[in-house]
Amino acid sequence: MPEYKYHCFVCTNARPPSDPRGCCAAKGSEGLRDTLKEAVHKRGLKGTVRINAAGCLDACAKGPAVVIYPEGVWYTLKTGDDALELVERHFLLGEIVERLRMPR
């Protein structure tokens, strides 16, 4: 079994538009997951960082929701630039990106 330095889960949960909680899929989480995967691959991090789609992480109202282990750090990514910054700073430099942290 591969051992990753970082395991990143991106909520891709989809709910009906009428649901008051909203959903990460409607906020672009699938595209953000693709951006993360592509950036990890381009930077030679495949095998070190694993990006996975996840079902509901119960944070769609604050989403798109992303959680990274082993730290258990929760992020809200809004744009592709946010995703690229996460790769550069969290995965490459080992920094927590405070401006992207999910509000509690």
N, C-alpha and C. Protein backbone atom coordinates (compact mmCIF):
# COMPACT_ATOMS: atom_id res chain seq x y z
N MET A 1 0.84 -1.17 0.00
CA MET A 1 0.00 0.00 0.00
C MET A 1 0.89 1.23 0.00
N PRO A 2 0.60 2.20 -0.90
CA PRO A 2 1.43 3.41 -0.94
C PRO A 2 1.26 4.26 0.31
N GLU A 3 2.35 4.89 0.71
CA GLU A 3 2.30 5.81 1.84
C GLU A 3 2.53 7.21 1.29
N TYR A 4 1.52 8.05 1.47
CA TYR A 4 1.59 9.42 0.98
C TYR A 4 1.99 10.35 2.11
N LYS A 5 2.72 11.38 1.78
CA LYS A 5 3.04 12.40 2.76
C LYS A 5 1.79 13.20 3.09
N TYR A 6 0.98 13.47 2.04
CA TYR A 6 -0.26 14.21 2.20
C TYR A 6 -1.38 13.48 1.47
N HIS A 7 -2.53 13.42 2.11
CA HIS A 7 -3.73 12.85 1.49
C HIS A 7 -4.80 13.93 1.55
N CYS A 8 -5.25 14.37 0.40
CA CYS A 8 -6.16 15.51 0.26
C CYS A 8 -7.51 15.01 -0.25
N PHE A 9 -8.56 15.35 0.49
CA PHE A 9 -9.92 14.99 0.11
C PHE A 9 -10.68 16.25 -0.28
N VAL A 10 -11.29 16.22 -1.45
CA VAL A 10 -12.06 17.35 -1.97
C VAL A 10 -13.52 16.92 -2.06
N CYS A 11 -14.39 17.63 -1.34
CA CYS A 11 -15.82 17.31 -1.38
C CYS A 11 -16.36 17.59 -2.77
N THR A 12 -17.00 16.59 -3.35
CA THR A 12 -17.66 16.77 -4.64
C THR A 12 -19.15 16.45 -4.51
N ASN A 13 -19.66 16.58 -3.29
CA ASN A 13 -21.06 16.29 -3.01
C ASN A 13 -21.98 17.19 -3.83
N ALA A 14 -23.04 16.58 -4.38
CA ALA A 14 -24.04 17.33 -5.16
C ALA A 14 -25.41 17.16 -4.50
N ARG A 15 -26.06 18.30 -4.28
CA ARG A 15 -27.42 18.31 -3.75
C ARG A 15 -28.31 19.06 -4.74
N PRO A 16 -29.63 18.88 -4.61
CA PRO A 16 -30.53 19.65 -5.47
C PRO A 16 -30.37 21.15 -5.22
N PRO A 17 -30.58 21.96 -6.23
CA PRO A 17 -30.44 23.42 -6.05
C PRO A 17 -31.34 23.99 -4.96
N SER A 18 -32.43 23.31 -4.65
CA SER A 18 -33.36 23.80 -3.63
C SER A 18 -32.88 23.55 -2.21
N ASP A 19 -31.82 22.76 -2.03
CA ASP A 19 -31.33 22.45 -0.68
C ASP A 19 -30.66 23.68 -0.09
N PRO A 20 -31.11 24.14 1.08
CA PRO A 20 -30.57 25.37 1.67
C PRO A 20 -29.10 25.26 2.10
N ARG A 21 -28.59 24.04 2.26
CA ARG A 21 -27.19 23.88 2.66
C ARG A 21 -26.23 24.09 1.50
N GLY A 22 -26.75 24.07 0.29
CA GLY A 22 -25.88 24.18 -0.87
C GLY A 22 -25.05 22.92 -1.04
N CYS A 23 -24.12 22.97 -1.95
CA CYS A 23 -23.23 21.82 -2.14
C CYS A 23 -21.93 22.27 -2.78
N CYS A 24 -20.90 21.52 -2.51
CA CYS A 24 -19.58 21.86 -3.03
C CYS A 24 -19.51 21.71 -4.55
N ALA A 25 -20.23 20.72 -5.09
CA ALA A 25 -20.19 20.52 -6.55
C ALA A 25 -20.68 21.77 -7.28
N ALA A 26 -21.74 22.40 -6.77
CA ALA A 26 -22.27 23.60 -7.41
C ALA A 26 -21.32 24.78 -7.29
N LYS A 27 -20.37 24.69 -6.37
CA LYS A 27 -19.39 25.76 -6.16
C LYS A 27 -18.08 25.48 -6.89
N GLY A 28 -18.08 24.46 -7.75
CA GLY A 28 -16.91 24.20 -8.59
C GLY A 28 -15.88 23.26 -8.04
N SER A 29 -16.26 22.43 -7.08
CA SER A 29 -15.25 21.57 -6.43
C SER A 29 -14.63 20.53 -7.36
N GLU A 30 -15.38 20.05 -8.34
CA GLU A 30 -14.80 19.05 -9.24
C GLU A 30 -13.68 19.66 -10.08
N GLY A 31 -13.87 20.87 -10.55
CA GLY A 31 -12.82 21.56 -11.30
C GLY A 31 -11.61 21.86 -10.43
N LEU A 32 -11.87 22.22 -9.18
CA LEU A 32 -10.76 22.48 -8.23
C LEU A 32 -9.98 21.20 -7.96
N ARG A 33 -10.69 20.08 -7.83
CA ARG A 33 -10.00 18.80 -7.65
C ARG A 33 -9.12 18.50 -8.85
N ASP A 34 -9.64 18.73 -10.04
CA ASP A 34 -8.85 18.51 -11.26
C ASP A 34 -7.61 19.40 -11.29
N THR A 35 -7.78 20.67 -10.88
CA THR A 35 -6.65 21.60 -10.84
C THR A 35 -5.60 21.11 -9.84
N LEU A 36 -6.03 20.66 -8.68
CA LEU A 36 -5.09 20.12 -7.68
C LEU A 36 -4.34 18.92 -8.24
N LYS A 37 -5.07 17.99 -8.86
CA LYS A 37 -4.43 16.79 -9.41
C LYS A 37 -3.40 17.14 -10.47
N GLU A 38 -3.76 18.05 -11.36
CA GLU A 38 -2.85 18.45 -12.44
C GLU A 38 -1.61 19.14 -11.87
N ALA A 39 -1.79 20.01 -10.89
CA ALA A 39 -0.66 20.72 -10.28
C ALA A 39 0.27 19.76 -9.54
N VAL A 40 -0.30 18.80 -8.86
CA VAL A 40 0.51 17.79 -8.16
C VAL A 40 1.32 16.99 -9.16
N HIS A 41 0.69 16.60 -10.25
CA HIS A 41 1.39 15.84 -11.29
C HIS A 41 2.51 16.66 -11.93
N LYS A 42 2.22 17.92 -12.29
CA LYS A 42 3.22 18.77 -12.94
C LYS A 42 4.43 19.05 -12.05
N ARG A 43 4.23 19.04 -10.76
CA ARG A 43 5.32 19.34 -9.83
C ARG A 43 6.04 18.08 -9.34
N GLY A 44 5.72 16.95 -9.96
CA GLY A 44 6.41 15.70 -9.62
C GLY A 44 6.05 15.15 -8.25
N LEU A 45 4.86 15.48 -7.76
CA LEU A 45 4.46 15.05 -6.42
C LEU A 45 3.60 13.79 -6.42
N LYS A 46 3.36 13.24 -7.60
CA LYS A 46 2.57 12.01 -7.68
C LYS A 46 3.30 10.92 -6.89
N GLY A 47 2.57 10.24 -6.04
CA GLY A 47 3.17 9.23 -5.16
C GLY A 47 3.49 9.78 -3.78
N THR A 48 3.59 11.10 -3.69
CA THR A 48 3.83 11.77 -2.40
C THR A 48 2.53 12.41 -1.90
N VAL A 49 1.76 12.94 -2.85
CA VAL A 49 0.49 13.60 -2.54
C VAL A 49 -0.61 12.87 -3.28
N ARG A 50 -1.67 12.55 -2.58
CA ARG A 50 -2.84 11.89 -3.19
C ARG A 50 -4.03 12.84 -3.09
N ILE A 51 -4.67 13.11 -4.22
CA ILE A 51 -5.86 13.95 -4.28
C ILE A 51 -7.05 13.02 -4.56
N ASN A 52 -8.03 13.03 -3.68
CA ASN A 52 -9.22 12.19 -3.85
C ASN A 52 -10.49 13.01 -3.81
N ALA A 53 -11.47 12.58 -4.59
CA ALA A 53 -12.82 13.11 -4.46
C ALA A 53 -13.43 12.48 -3.22
N ALA A 54 -14.23 13.24 -2.52
CA ALA A 54 -14.92 12.73 -1.34
C ALA A 54 -16.40 13.03 -1.45
N GLY A 55 -17.18 12.21 -0.80
CA GLY A 55 -18.60 12.54 -0.63
C GLY A 55 -18.70 13.69 0.35
N CYS A 56 -19.87 13.89 0.88
CA CYS A 56 -20.10 15.03 1.76
C CYS A 56 -19.17 15.01 2.97
N LEU A 57 -18.48 16.13 3.17
CA LEU A 57 -17.63 16.32 4.35
C LEU A 57 -18.36 17.14 5.42
N ASP A 58 -19.66 17.36 5.19
CA ASP A 58 -20.54 18.07 6.12
C ASP A 58 -20.10 19.52 6.33
N ALA A 59 -19.56 20.12 5.29
CA ALA A 59 -19.13 21.53 5.37
C ALA A 59 -19.47 22.27 4.07
N CYS A 60 -20.48 21.81 3.36
CA CYS A 60 -20.81 22.40 2.06
C CYS A 60 -21.18 23.88 2.17
N ALA A 61 -21.77 24.27 3.28
CA ALA A 61 -22.15 25.68 3.45
C ALA A 61 -20.92 26.58 3.44
N LYS A 62 -19.76 26.03 3.81
CA LYS A 62 -18.51 26.79 3.83
C LYS A 62 -17.61 26.46 2.65
N GLY A 63 -18.06 25.59 1.77
CA GLY A 63 -17.23 25.02 0.74
C GLY A 63 -16.95 25.94 -0.43
N PRO A 64 -16.23 25.38 -1.38
CA PRO A 64 -15.79 24.02 -1.55
C PRO A 64 -14.82 23.56 -0.45
N ALA A 65 -15.16 22.45 0.14
CA ALA A 65 -14.44 21.93 1.30
C ALA A 65 -13.31 20.98 0.89
N VAL A 66 -12.15 21.20 1.51
CA VAL A 66 -10.97 20.38 1.28
C VAL A 66 -10.36 20.09 2.64
N VAL A 67 -9.98 18.83 2.88
CA VAL A 67 -9.28 18.50 4.12
C VAL A 67 -8.02 17.72 3.77
N ILE A 68 -6.94 18.05 4.46
CA ILE A 68 -5.65 17.42 4.19
C ILE A 68 -5.16 16.71 5.44
N TYR A 69 -4.79 15.45 5.23
CA TYR A 69 -4.20 14.64 6.30
C TYR A 69 -2.76 14.34 5.95
N PRO A 70 -1.88 14.19 6.94
CA PRO A 70 -2.19 13.80 8.31
C PRO A 70 -2.52 14.97 9.24
N GLU A 71 -2.37 16.21 8.81
CA GLU A 71 -2.58 17.34 9.72
C GLU A 71 -4.03 17.54 10.12
N GLY A 72 -4.96 17.15 9.24
CA GLY A 72 -6.37 17.39 9.50
C GLY A 72 -6.73 18.86 9.33
N VAL A 73 -6.08 19.53 8.37
CA VAL A 73 -6.32 20.94 8.11
C VAL A 73 -7.44 21.06 7.09
N TRP A 74 -8.44 21.89 7.42
CA TRP A 74 -9.58 22.13 6.54
C TRP A 74 -9.40 23.46 5.82
N TYR A 75 -9.65 23.41 4.51
CA TYR A 75 -9.55 24.60 3.68
C TYR A 75 -10.85 24.83 2.92
N THR A 76 -11.07 26.08 2.54
CA THR A 76 -12.12 26.44 1.59
C THR A 76 -11.41 27.06 0.39
N LEU A 77 -11.52 26.40 -0.75
CA LEU A 77 -10.92 26.90 -1.98
C LEU A 77 -12.01 27.49 -2.85
N LYS A 78 -11.78 28.67 -3.37
CA LYS A 78 -12.78 29.32 -4.22
C LYS A 78 -12.37 29.36 -5.68
N THR A 79 -11.06 29.38 -5.94
CA THR A 79 -10.58 29.56 -7.32
C THR A 79 -9.45 28.59 -7.63
N GLY A 80 -9.16 28.49 -8.91
CA GLY A 80 -8.01 27.69 -9.32
C GLY A 80 -6.71 28.23 -8.75
N ASP A 81 -6.61 29.56 -8.62
CA ASP A 81 -5.41 30.15 -8.01
C ASP A 81 -5.27 29.73 -6.55
N ASP A 82 -6.40 29.60 -5.84
CA ASP A 82 -6.35 29.10 -4.46
C ASP A 82 -5.77 27.68 -4.44
N ALA A 83 -6.22 26.85 -5.38
CA ALA A 83 -5.75 25.47 -5.45
C ALA A 83 -4.24 25.42 -5.73
N LEU A 84 -3.78 26.26 -6.64
CA LEU A 84 -2.35 26.29 -6.96
C LEU A 84 -1.53 26.78 -5.77
N GLU A 85 -2.04 27.77 -5.05
CA GLU A 85 -1.34 28.25 -3.86
C GLU A 85 -1.26 27.15 -2.81
N LEU A 86 -2.33 26.39 -2.65
CA LEU A 86 -2.32 25.28 -1.71
C LEU A 86 -1.23 24.27 -2.05
N VAL A 87 -1.11 23.92 -3.32
CA VAL A 87 -0.08 22.97 -3.75
C VAL A 87 1.30 23.53 -3.45
N GLU A 88 1.52 24.78 -3.83
CA GLU A 88 2.85 25.39 -3.64
C GLU A 88 3.22 25.49 -2.16
N ARG A 89 2.31 25.97 -1.36
CA ARG A 89 2.65 26.27 0.03
C ARG A 89 2.48 25.08 0.96
N HIS A 90 1.35 24.37 0.87
CA HIS A 90 1.13 23.26 1.80
C HIS A 90 1.93 22.02 1.39
N PHE A 91 1.79 21.62 0.14
CA PHE A 91 2.44 20.37 -0.28
C PHE A 91 3.94 20.52 -0.53
N LEU A 92 4.38 21.63 -1.10
CA LEU A 92 5.80 21.79 -1.40
C LEU A 92 6.59 22.38 -0.23
N LEU A 93 6.01 23.35 0.47
CA LEU A 93 6.74 24.03 1.55
C LEU A 93 6.34 23.56 2.95
N GLY A 94 5.26 22.80 3.05
CA GLY A 94 4.81 22.31 4.35
C GLY A 94 4.17 23.38 5.22
N GLU A 95 3.69 24.47 4.60
CA GLU A 95 3.06 25.57 5.35
C GLU A 95 1.55 25.41 5.39
N ILE A 96 0.94 25.79 6.48
CA ILE A 96 -0.51 25.92 6.54
C ILE A 96 -0.85 27.27 5.90
N VAL A 97 -1.78 27.28 4.97
CA VAL A 97 -2.15 28.49 4.25
C VAL A 97 -3.33 29.12 5.00
N GLU A 98 -3.01 30.01 5.92
CA GLU A 98 -4.01 30.56 6.83
C GLU A 98 -5.15 31.26 6.09
N ARG A 99 -4.87 31.98 5.03
CA ARG A 99 -5.94 32.71 4.35
C ARG A 99 -6.96 31.79 3.70
N LEU A 100 -6.59 30.52 3.47
CA LEU A 100 -7.50 29.56 2.85
C LEU A 100 -8.17 28.63 3.87
N ARG A 101 -7.77 28.73 5.12
CA ARG A 101 -8.37 27.86 6.15
C ARG A 101 -9.85 28.11 6.25
N MET A 102 -10.58 27.02 6.44
CA MET A 102 -12.04 27.10 6.57
C MET A 102 -12.39 27.77 7.88
N PRO A 103 -13.29 28.75 7.83
CA PRO A 103 -13.73 29.38 9.08
C PRO A 103 -14.47 28.36 9.94
N ARG A 104 -14.29 28.48 11.22
CA ARG A 104 -14.96 27.53 12.14
C ARG A 104 -16.38 27.92 12.40
